[in-house]
Amino acid sequence: MIDPLYVASGFGVGLLVGMTGVGGGSLMTPLLILLFGIHPSTAVGTDLFYAAGTKTAGTVVHGWSRSVHWPAVFRLASGSIPASAATLLVLWKLDLKSDAERNLVNLVLCFALMLTAASLIFRKSLMAQFRRRVERMDARTTAIGTVLVGALLGVLVSISSVGAGAVGVTALLLLYPRLPIATIVGSDIAHAVPLTLVAGAGHWALGDVDWALMGVLLMGSLPGIVIGSYSAARVPETVLRAALASVLIVVAGKIAFAELNLSSAIVTALAWSR
């Protein structure tokens, strides 16, 4: 049966992604873990394919509106795709057990959520501080910086499914200050498509994808991201970023708190077993 709550969650997240380029992994993965009780690894793997489908629709809309800077997309992908493949290979080699895998995903997820929230909160101050310096960079330095940012996103997204949104948008704003915000958002969404497909394929190989769940989420997210992409210029960005950052901080705190409680319970159980 199709749970309306899953569809509504997909629609809400898709709407935010279309308007801001942010909210795919940073909201959907915690929702699946905290609200629906999905295992972190399955949540990450499912969310990656969900994000690929959602952001493909967003890319089509932004591409039709000519709000994608394709050179930046290709540079990001040239760093993120190899980094994602390498990260997935390391995870496969480590052969993490269930508890260890849960702890690793939750740890990286908390870090990525806080980094995303910081990117949203301090974006203007970062741009004010570094924009003049970045504007003096030559084209080669900008290209190298874009590839390195892509590599960082490849690692973060492959483990936690978080980072391609706010972190990517903030980095693109710093590296390409002359591009309009709609083009920055469109470029970030377009880059997320190949990255989430590669990372999702790796998690599929590891057995971490719930296809039925992904299909239900897409039922809501596809119309949501189309509506959000068309209304991107009509919503006050400052209010949206502040609200989203607050939600991410709360979610990161809840995951960290749950992780600490789980660790305490394991320690207590081990002590009693002795």
C-alpha atoms as a PDB file:
ATOM      1  CA  MET A   1       0.000   0.000   0.000  1.00  0.00           C
ATOM      2  CA  ILE A   2       1.121   3.535  -0.744  1.00  0.00           C
ATOM      3  CA  ASP A   3       1.672   5.479   2.487  1.00  0.00           C
ATOM      4  CA  PRO A   4       0.535   9.113   1.974  1.00  0.00           C
ATOM      5  CA  LEU A   5       3.153  10.244   4.503  1.00  0.00           C
ATOM      6  CA  TYR A   6       5.963   8.978   2.255  1.00  0.00           C
ATOM      7  CA  VAL A   7       4.423  10.746  -0.755  1.00  0.00           C
ATOM      8  CA  ALA A   8       3.990  13.979   1.220  1.00  0.00           C
ATOM      9  CA  SER A   9       7.585  13.795   2.450  1.00  0.00           C
ATOM     10  CA  GLY A  10       8.813  13.324  -1.106  1.00  0.00           C
ATOM     11  CA  PHE A  11       6.751  16.280  -2.330  1.00  0.00           C
ATOM     12  CA  GLY A  12       7.999  18.605   0.421  1.00  0.00           C
ATOM     13  CA  VAL A  13      11.640  17.703  -0.093  1.00  0.00           C
ATOM     14  CA  GLY A  14      11.301  17.942  -3.884  1.00  0.00           C
ATOM     15  CA  LEU A  15       9.761  21.401  -3.539  1.00  0.00           C
ATOM     16  CA  LEU A  16      12.720  22.612  -1.438  1.00  0.00           C
ATOM     17  CA  VAL A  17      15.274  21.094  -3.813  1.00  0.00           C
ATOM     18  CA  GLY A  18      13.677  22.821  -6.783  1.00  0.00           C
ATOM     19  CA  MET A  19      13.642  26.217  -5.068  1.00  0.00           C
ATOM     20  CA  THR A  20      17.069  26.170  -3.398  1.00  0.00           C
ATOM     21  CA  GLY A  21      19.089  23.210  -4.688  1.00  0.00           C
ATOM     22  CA  VAL A  22      19.216  22.096  -1.038  1.00  0.00           C
ATOM     23  CA  GLY A  23      17.255  19.538   0.921  1.00  0.00           C
ATOM     24  CA  GLY A  24      17.578  16.227  -0.956  1.00  0.00           C
ATOM     25  CA  GLY A  25      19.868  14.107   1.206  1.00  0.00           C
ATOM     26  CA  SER A  26      20.030  16.598   4.069  1.00  0.00           C
ATOM     27  CA  LEU A  27      16.302  16.238   4.725  1.00  0.00           C
ATOM     28  CA  MET A  28      15.207  12.943   3.161  1.00  0.00           C
ATOM     29  CA  THR A  29      17.887  10.727   4.727  1.00  0.00           C
ATOM     30  CA  PRO A  30      17.235  11.985   8.302  1.00  0.00           C
ATOM     31  CA  LEU A  31      13.476  11.713   7.669  1.00  0.00           C
ATOM     32  CA  LEU A  32      13.848   8.074   6.660  1.00  0.00           C
ATOM     33  CA  ILE A  33      16.025   7.326   9.694  1.00  0.00           C
ATOM     34  CA  LEU A  34      14.240   9.301  12.417  1.00  0.00           C
ATOM     35  CA  LEU A  35      10.604   9.380  11.259  1.00  0.00           C
ATOM     36  CA  PHE A  36      10.248   6.062   9.422  1.00  0.00           C
ATOM     37  CA  GLY A  37      12.860   3.962  11.259  1.00  0.00           C
ATOM     38  CA  ILE A  38      14.811   2.921   8.144  1.00  0.00           C
ATOM     39  CA  HIS A  39      18.350   1.562   8.697  1.00  0.00           C
ATOM     40  CA  PRO A  40      20.903   4.350   7.970  1.00  0.00           C
ATOM     41  CA  SER A  41      22.645   2.443   5.165  1.00  0.00           C
ATOM     42  CA  THR A  42      19.349   1.616   3.454  1.00  0.00           C
ATOM     43  CA  ALA A  43      18.214   5.220   3.932  1.00  0.00           C
ATOM     44  CA  VAL A  44      21.381   6.512   2.257  1.00  0.00           C
ATOM     45  CA  GLY A  45      21.256   4.060  -0.654  1.00  0.00           C
ATOM     46  CA  THR A  46      17.542   4.627  -1.293  1.00  0.00           C
ATOM     47  CA  ASP A  47      17.885   8.390  -0.991  1.00  0.00           C
ATOM     48  CA  LEU A  48      20.711   8.463  -3.545  1.00  0.00           C
ATOM     49  CA  PHE A  49      18.526   6.922  -6.263  1.00  0.00           C
ATOM     50  CA  TYR A  50      15.584   9.042  -5.119  1.00  0.00           C
ATOM     51  CA  ALA A  51      17.795  12.147  -5.452  1.00  0.00           C
ATOM     52  CA  ALA A  52      18.959  11.042  -8.913  1.00  0.00           C
ATOM     53  CA  GLY A  53      15.366  10.795 -10.144  1.00  0.00           C
ATOM     54  CA  THR A  54      14.276  14.010  -8.429  1.00  0.00           C
ATOM     55  CA  LYS A  55      17.225  16.065  -9.647  1.00  0.00           C
ATOM     56  CA  THR A  56      16.957  14.708 -13.184  1.00  0.00           C
ATOM     57  CA  ALA A  57      13.529  16.346 -13.336  1.00  0.00           C
ATOM     58  CA  GLY A  58      15.001  19.535 -11.867  1.00  0.00           C
ATOM     59  CA  THR A  59      17.842  19.488 -14.402  1.00  0.00           C
ATOM     60  CA  VAL A  60      15.374  19.231 -17.276  1.00  0.00           C
ATOM     61  CA  VAL A  61      13.480  22.288 -15.988  1.00  0.00           C
ATOM     62  CA  HIS A  62      16.636  24.327 -15.330  1.00  0.00           C
ATOM     63  CA  GLY A  63      18.136  23.209 -18.645  1.00  0.00           C
ATOM     64  CA  TRP A  64      14.994  24.270 -20.489  1.00  0.00           C
ATOM     65  CA  SER A  65      15.291  27.656 -18.746  1.00  0.00           C
ATOM     66  CA  ARG A  66      18.998  27.800 -19.710  1.00  0.00           C
ATOM     67  CA  SER A  67      20.009  28.164 -16.070  1.00  0.00           C
ATOM     68  CA  VAL A  68      22.789  25.539 -16.027  1.00  0.00           C
ATOM     69  CA  HIS A  69      26.501  26.407 -16.364  1.00  0.00           C
ATOM     70  CA  TRP A  70      27.688  23.144 -17.943  1.00  0.00           C
ATOM     71  CA  PRO A  71      31.484  23.775 -17.644  1.00  0.00           C
ATOM     72  CA  ALA A  72      31.105  23.972 -13.845  1.00  0.00           C
ATOM     73  CA  VAL A  73      28.987  20.799 -13.876  1.00  0.00           C
ATOM     74  CA  PHE A  74      31.629  18.857 -15.837  1.00  0.00           C
ATOM     75  CA  ARG A  75      34.424  20.093 -13.551  1.00  0.00           C
ATOM     76  CA  LEU A  76      32.539  19.095 -10.413  1.00  0.00           C
ATOM     77  CA  ALA A  77      31.761  15.675 -11.881  1.00  0.00           C
ATOM     78  CA  SER A  78      35.390  15.073 -12.857  1.00  0.00           C
ATOM     79  CA  GLY A  79      36.258  15.305  -9.157  1.00  0.00           C
ATOM     80  CA  SER A  80      33.169  13.776  -7.555  1.00  0.00           C
ATOM     81  CA  ILE A  81      32.741  10.642  -9.685  1.00  0.00           C
ATOM     82  CA  PRO A  82      36.272   9.205  -9.069  1.00  0.00           C
ATOM     83  CA  ALA A  83      36.068  10.210  -5.375  1.00  0.00           C
ATOM     84  CA  SER A  84      32.692   8.504  -5.041  1.00  0.00           C
ATOM     85  CA  ALA A  85      33.960   5.320  -6.703  1.00  0.00           C
ATOM     86  CA  ALA A  86      37.038   5.269  -4.436  1.00  0.00           C
ATOM     87  CA  THR A  87      34.924   5.822  -1.300  1.00  0.00           C
ATOM     88  CA  LEU A  88      32.538   3.017  -2.213  1.00  0.00           C
ATOM     89  CA  LEU A  89      35.487   0.703  -2.881  1.00  0.00           C
ATOM     90  CA  VAL A  90      36.874   1.454   0.601  1.00  0.00           C
ATOM     91  CA  LEU A  91      33.467   0.760   2.195  1.00  0.00           C
ATOM     92  CA  TRP A  92      33.279  -2.556   0.325  1.00  0.00           C
ATOM     93  CA  LYS A  93      36.819  -3.538   1.348  1.00  0.00           C
ATOM     94  CA  LEU A  94      36.169  -2.700   5.009  1.00  0.00           C
ATOM     95  CA  ASP A  95      33.122  -5.017   4.960  1.00  0.00           C
ATOM     96  CA  LEU A  96      31.554  -3.125   7.843  1.00  0.00           C
ATOM     97  CA  LYS A  97      29.174  -5.030  10.084  1.00  0.00           C
ATOM     98  CA  SER A  98      25.706  -3.700  10.839  1.00  0.00           C
ATOM     99  CA  ASP A  99      26.495  -1.702  14.013  1.00  0.00           C
ATOM    100  CA  ALA A 100      29.789  -0.380  12.676  1.00  0.00           C
ATOM    101  CA  GLU A 101      28.129   0.661   9.418  1.00  0.00           C
ATOM    102  CA  ARG A 102      25.297   2.377  11.290  1.00  0.00           C
ATOM    103  CA  ASN A 103      27.778   4.294  13.455  1.00  0.00           C
ATOM    104  CA  LEU A 104      29.890   5.395  10.473  1.00  0.00           C
ATOM    105  CA  VAL A 105      26.881   6.591   8.467  1.00  0.00           C
ATOM    106  CA  ASN A 106      25.407   8.451  11.441  1.00  0.00           C
ATOM    107  CA  LEU A 107      28.759  10.093  12.261  1.00  0.00           C
ATOM    108  CA  VAL A 108      29.345  11.320   8.706  1.00  0.00           C
ATOM    109  CA  LEU A 109      25.669  12.269   8.394  1.00  0.00           C
ATOM    110  CA  CYS A 110      25.860  14.501  11.492  1.00  0.00           C
ATOM    111  CA  PHE A 111      29.032  16.153  10.171  1.00  0.00           C
ATOM    112  CA  ALA A 112      27.514  16.681   6.711  1.00  0.00           C
ATOM    113  CA  LEU A 113      24.301  18.127   8.184  1.00  0.00           C
ATOM    114  CA  MET A 114      26.239  20.608  10.347  1.00  0.00           C
ATOM    115  CA  LEU A 115      28.424  21.551   7.368  1.00  0.00           C
ATOM    116  CA  THR A 116      25.291  22.071   5.267  1.00  0.00           C
ATOM    117  CA  ALA A 117      23.689  24.214   7.979  1.00  0.00           C
ATOM    118  CA  ALA A 118      26.878  26.289   8.320  1.00  0.00           C
ATOM    119  CA  SER A 119      26.929  26.777   4.549  1.00  0.00           C
ATOM    120  CA  LEU A 120      23.396  28.114   4.691  1.00  0.00           C
ATOM    121  CA  ILE A 121      23.916  30.371   7.706  1.00  0.00           C
ATOM    122  CA  PHE A 122      27.329  31.828   6.865  1.00  0.00           C
ATOM    123  CA  ARG A 123      27.003  31.949   3.069  1.00  0.00           C
ATOM    124  CA  LYS A 124      26.757  35.744   2.865  1.00  0.00           C
ATOM    125  CA  SER A 125      29.649  36.383   5.254  1.00  0.00           C
ATOM    126  CA  LEU A 126      31.816  33.834   3.433  1.00  0.00           C
ATOM    127  CA  MET A 127      31.056  35.484   0.129  1.00  0.00           C
ATOM    128  CA  ALA A 128      31.759  38.951   1.523  1.00  0.00           C
ATOM    129  CA  GLN A 129      35.106  37.779   2.904  1.00  0.00           C
ATOM    130  CA  PHE A 130      36.359  35.724  -0.011  1.00  0.00           C
ATOM    131  CA  ARG A 131      34.597  37.094  -3.095  1.00  0.00           C
ATOM    132  CA  ARG A 132      37.224  39.739  -3.936  1.00  0.00           C
ATOM    133  CA  ARG A 133      40.006  37.205  -3.499  1.00  0.00           C
ATOM    134  CA  VAL A 134      38.192  34.641  -5.645  1.00  0.00           C
ATOM    135  CA  GLU A 135      37.422  37.201  -8.356  1.00  0.00           C
ATOM    136  CA  ARG A 136      41.187  37.660  -8.839  1.00  0.00           C
ATOM    137  CA  MET A 137      41.694  33.934  -9.538  1.00  0.00           C
ATOM    138  CA  ASP A 138      42.470  32.934 -13.093  1.00  0.00           C
ATOM    139  CA  ALA A 139      40.384  30.407 -15.021  1.00  0.00           C
ATOM    140  CA  ARG A 140      42.821  27.531 -14.365  1.00  0.00           C
ATOM    141  CA  THR A 141      42.731  28.033 -10.582  1.00  0.00           C
ATOM    142  CA  THR A 142      38.932  28.214 -10.645  1.00  0.00           C
ATOM    143  CA  ALA A 143      38.789  24.963 -12.613  1.00  0.00           C
ATOM    144  CA  ILE A 144      41.124  23.174 -10.167  1.00  0.00           C
ATOM    145  CA  GLY A 145      39.148  24.486  -7.189  1.00  0.00           C
ATOM    146  CA  THR A 146      35.918  23.215  -8.747  1.00  0.00           C
ATOM    147  CA  VAL A 147      37.386  19.719  -9.243  1.00  0.00           C
ATOM    148  CA  LEU A 148      38.588  19.627  -5.605  1.00  0.00           C
ATOM    149  CA  VAL A 149      35.162  20.697  -4.345  1.00  0.00           C
ATOM    150  CA  GLY A 150      33.667  17.923  -6.468  1.00  0.00           C
ATOM    151  CA  ALA A 151      35.997  15.379  -4.838  1.00  0.00           C
ATOM    152  CA  LEU A 152      34.911  16.478  -1.339  1.00  0.00           C
ATOM    153  CA  LEU A 153      31.261  16.212  -2.342  1.00  0.00           C
ATOM    154  CA  GLY A 154      31.895  12.755  -3.801  1.00  0.00           C
ATOM    155  CA  VAL A 155      33.151  11.448  -0.441  1.00  0.00           C
ATOM    156  CA  LEU A 156      30.406  13.088   1.650  1.00  0.00           C
ATOM    157  CA  VAL A 157      27.546  12.083  -0.628  1.00  0.00           C
ATOM    158  CA  SER A 158      28.725   8.482  -1.029  1.00  0.00           C
ATOM    159  CA  ILE A 159      28.707   7.892   2.738  1.00  0.00           C
ATOM    160  CA  SER A 160      25.818  10.075   3.907  1.00  0.00           C
ATOM    161  CA  SER A 161      23.953  11.222   0.722  1.00  0.00           C
ATOM    162  CA  VAL A 162      24.302  14.779   2.141  1.00  0.00           C
ATOM    163  CA  GLY A 163      26.398  17.684   0.853  1.00  0.00           C
ATOM    164  CA  ALA A 164      25.620  18.082  -2.830  1.00  0.00           C
ATOM    165  CA  GLY A 165      23.051  20.813  -2.084  1.00  0.00           C
ATOM    166  CA  ALA A 166      24.051  23.629   0.269  1.00  0.00           C
ATOM    167  CA  VAL A 167      27.774  22.867   0.283  1.00  0.00           C
ATOM    168  CA  GLY A 168      27.839  22.639  -3.509  1.00  0.00           C
ATOM    169  CA  VAL A 169      25.803  25.826  -3.961  1.00  0.00           C
ATOM    170  CA  THR A 170      28.021  27.771  -1.523  1.00  0.00           C
ATOM    171  CA  ALA A 171      31.193  26.582  -3.259  1.00  0.00           C
ATOM    172  CA  LEU A 172      29.815  27.496  -6.690  1.00  0.00           C
ATOM    173  CA  LEU A 173      28.800  30.953  -5.434  1.00  0.00           C
ATOM    174  CA  LEU A 174      32.385  31.530  -4.268  1.00  0.00           C
ATOM    175  CA  LEU A 175      34.025  30.104  -7.378  1.00  0.00           C
ATOM    176  CA  TYR A 176      31.628  31.645  -9.914  1.00  0.00           C
ATOM    177  CA  PRO A 177      30.497  34.940  -8.315  1.00  0.00           C
ATOM    178  CA  ARG A 178      29.322  36.425 -11.618  1.00  0.00           C
ATOM    179  CA  LEU A 179      26.719  33.725 -12.265  1.00  0.00           C
ATOM    180  CA  PRO A 180      23.098  34.446 -11.249  1.00  0.00           C
ATOM    181  CA  ILE A 181      21.731  32.452  -8.307  1.00  0.00           C
ATOM    182  CA  ALA A 182      19.266  30.542 -10.529  1.00  0.00           C
ATOM    183  CA  THR A 183      22.187  29.298 -12.667  1.00  0.00           C
ATOM    184  CA  ILE A 184      24.156  28.319  -9.548  1.00  0.00           C
ATOM    185  CA  VAL A 185      21.197  26.285  -8.260  1.00  0.00           C
ATOM    186  CA  GLY A 186      20.599  24.733 -11.684  1.00  0.00           C
ATOM    187  CA  SER A 187      24.275  23.770 -12.058  1.00  0.00           C
ATOM    188  CA  ASP A 188      24.355  22.230  -8.583  1.00  0.00           C
ATOM    189  CA  ILE A 189      21.225  20.177  -9.312  1.00  0.00           C
ATOM    190  CA  ALA A 190      22.627  19.031 -12.671  1.00  0.00           C
ATOM    191  CA  HIS A 191      25.903  17.897 -11.071  1.00  0.00           C
ATOM    192  CA  ALA A 192      24.034  15.906  -8.424  1.00  0.00           C
ATOM    193  CA  VAL A 193      22.494  13.628 -11.070  1.00  0.00           C
ATOM    194  CA  PRO A 194      25.632  11.689 -12.167  1.00  0.00           C
ATOM    195  CA  LEU A 195      27.061  11.772  -8.637  1.00  0.00           C
ATOM    196  CA  THR A 196      23.971  10.264  -7.004  1.00  0.00           C
ATOM    197  CA  LEU A 197      23.643   7.692  -9.801  1.00  0.00           C
ATOM    198  CA  VAL A 198      27.215   6.461  -9.294  1.00  0.00           C
ATOM    199  CA  ALA A 199      26.974   6.498  -5.487  1.00  0.00           C
ATOM    200  CA  GLY A 200      23.529   4.882  -5.635  1.00  0.00           C
ATOM    201  CA  ALA A 201      24.806   2.115  -7.917  1.00  0.00           C
ATOM    202  CA  GLY A 202      27.558   1.393  -5.397  1.00  0.00           C
ATOM    203  CA  HIS A 203      25.066   1.137  -2.528  1.00  0.00           C
ATOM    204  CA  TRP A 204      22.823  -1.044  -4.708  1.00  0.00           C
ATOM    205  CA  ALA A 205      25.755  -3.422  -5.156  1.00  0.00           C
ATOM    206  CA  LEU A 206      26.153  -3.429  -1.355  1.00  0.00           C
ATOM    207  CA  GLY A 207      22.440  -4.273  -0.962  1.00  0.00           C
ATOM    208  CA  ASP A 208      21.421  -0.917   0.520  1.00  0.00           C
ATOM    209  CA  VAL A 209      18.497   0.158  -1.720  1.00  0.00           C
ATOM    210  CA  ASP A 210      14.745  -0.226  -1.069  1.00  0.00           C
ATOM    211  CA  TRP A 211      13.239   0.141  -4.555  1.00  0.00           C
ATOM    212  CA  ALA A 212       9.597   0.115  -3.455  1.00  0.00           C
ATOM    213  CA  LEU A 213      10.249   2.911  -0.981  1.00  0.00           C
ATOM    214  CA  MET A 214      12.122   4.934  -3.596  1.00  0.00           C
ATOM    215  CA  GLY A 215       9.201   4.635  -6.032  1.00  0.00           C
ATOM    216  CA  VAL A 216       6.725   5.956  -3.464  1.00  0.00           C
ATOM    217  CA  LEU A 217       8.999   8.890  -2.595  1.00  0.00           C
ATOM    218  CA  LEU A 218       9.387   9.786  -6.283  1.00  0.00           C
ATOM    219  CA  MET A 219       5.598   9.935  -6.675  1.00  0.00           C
ATOM    220  CA  GLY A 220       5.670  13.013  -4.469  1.00  0.00           C
ATOM    221  CA  SER A 221       9.063  14.492  -5.282  1.00  0.00           C
ATOM    222  CA  LEU A 222       8.793  14.706  -9.091  1.00  0.00           C
ATOM    223  CA  PRO A 223       5.842  17.133  -9.106  1.00  0.00           C
ATOM    224  CA  GLY A 224       7.381  18.890  -6.089  1.00  0.00           C
ATOM    225  CA  ILE A 225      10.696  19.663  -7.773  1.00  0.00           C
ATOM    226  CA  VAL A 226       9.008  20.820 -10.999  1.00  0.00           C
ATOM    227  CA  ILE A 227       6.850  23.292  -9.037  1.00  0.00           C
ATOM    228  CA  GLY A 228       9.829  24.352  -6.928  1.00  0.00           C
ATOM    229  CA  SER A 229      12.081  24.893  -9.951  1.00  0.00           C
ATOM    230  CA  TYR A 230       9.506  27.161 -11.595  1.00  0.00           C
ATOM    231  CA  SER A 231       8.947  29.152  -8.388  1.00  0.00           C
ATOM    232  CA  ALA A 232      12.644  29.443  -7.439  1.00  0.00           C
ATOM    233  CA  ALA A 233      12.790  33.189  -8.089  1.00  0.00           C
ATOM    234  CA  ARG A 234       9.530  33.952  -6.267  1.00  0.00           C
ATOM    235  CA  VAL A 235      10.406  32.816  -2.713  1.00  0.00           C
ATOM    236  CA  PRO A 236      12.484  34.927  -0.262  1.00  0.00           C
ATOM    237  CA  GLU A 237      15.775  33.010  -0.210  1.00  0.00           C
ATOM    238  CA  THR A 238      16.983  34.402   3.140  1.00  0.00           C
ATOM    239  CA  VAL A 239      13.927  33.196   5.057  1.00  0.00           C
ATOM    240  CA  LEU A 240      14.073  29.801   3.367  1.00  0.00           C
ATOM    241  CA  ARG A 241      17.787  29.318   4.122  1.00  0.00           C
ATOM    242  CA  ALA A 242      17.407  30.302   7.786  1.00  0.00           C
ATOM    243  CA  ALA A 243      14.485  27.928   8.313  1.00  0.00           C
ATOM    244  CA  LEU A 244      16.243  25.066   6.531  1.00  0.00           C
ATOM    245  CA  ALA A 245      19.479  25.593   8.506  1.00  0.00           C
ATOM    246  CA  SER A 246      17.542  25.503  11.799  1.00  0.00           C
ATOM    247  CA  VAL A 247      15.875  22.232  10.820  1.00  0.00           C
ATOM    248  CA  LEU A 248      19.228  20.663   9.850  1.00  0.00           C
ATOM    249  CA  ILE A 249      20.847  21.622  13.171  1.00  0.00           C
ATOM    250  CA  VAL A 250      17.940  20.090  15.117  1.00  0.00           C
ATOM    251  CA  VAL A 251      18.051  16.927  12.995  1.00  0.00           C
ATOM    252  CA  ALA A 252      21.834  16.565  13.425  1.00  0.00           C
ATOM    253  CA  GLY A 253      21.376  16.959  17.183  1.00  0.00           C
ATOM    254  CA  LYS A 254      18.669  14.280  17.267  1.00  0.00           C
ATOM    255  CA  ILE A 255      20.817  11.810  15.323  1.00  0.00           C
ATOM    256  CA  ALA A 256      23.840  12.498  17.557  1.00  0.00           C
ATOM    257  CA  PHE A 257      21.687  12.106  20.676  1.00  0.00           C
ATOM    258  CA  ALA A 258      20.234   8.827  19.421  1.00  0.00           C
ATOM    259  CA  GLU A 259      23.726   7.594  18.583  1.00  0.00           C
ATOM    260  CA  LEU A 260      24.985   8.449  22.088  1.00  0.00           C
ATOM    261  CA  ASN A 261      22.020   6.633  23.657  1.00  0.00           C
ATOM    262  CA  LEU A 262      22.686   3.575  21.486  1.00  0.00           C
ATOM    263  CA  SER A 263      26.380   3.569  22.434  1.00  0.00           C
ATOM    264  CA  SER A 264      25.503   3.886  26.139  1.00  0.00           C
ATOM    265  CA  ALA A 265      23.060   0.991  25.862  1.00  0.00           C
ATOM    266  CA  ILE A 266      25.710  -1.208  24.200  1.00  0.00           C
ATOM    267  CA  VAL A 267      28.278  -0.361  26.877  1.00  0.00           C
ATOM    268  CA  THR A 268      25.755  -1.115  29.645  1.00  0.00           C
ATOM    269  CA  ALA A 269      24.806  -4.440  28.058  1.00  0.00           C
ATOM    270  CA  LEU A 270      28.454  -5.448  27.751  1.00  0.00           C
ATOM    271  CA  ALA A 271      29.069  -4.514  31.412  1.00  0.00           C
ATOM    272  CA  TRP A 272      26.098  -6.613  32.567  1.00  0.00           C
ATOM    273  CA  SER A 273      27.206  -9.567  30.430  1.00  0.00           C
ATOM    274  CA  ARG A 274      30.473  -9.689  32.369  1.00  0.00           C
END
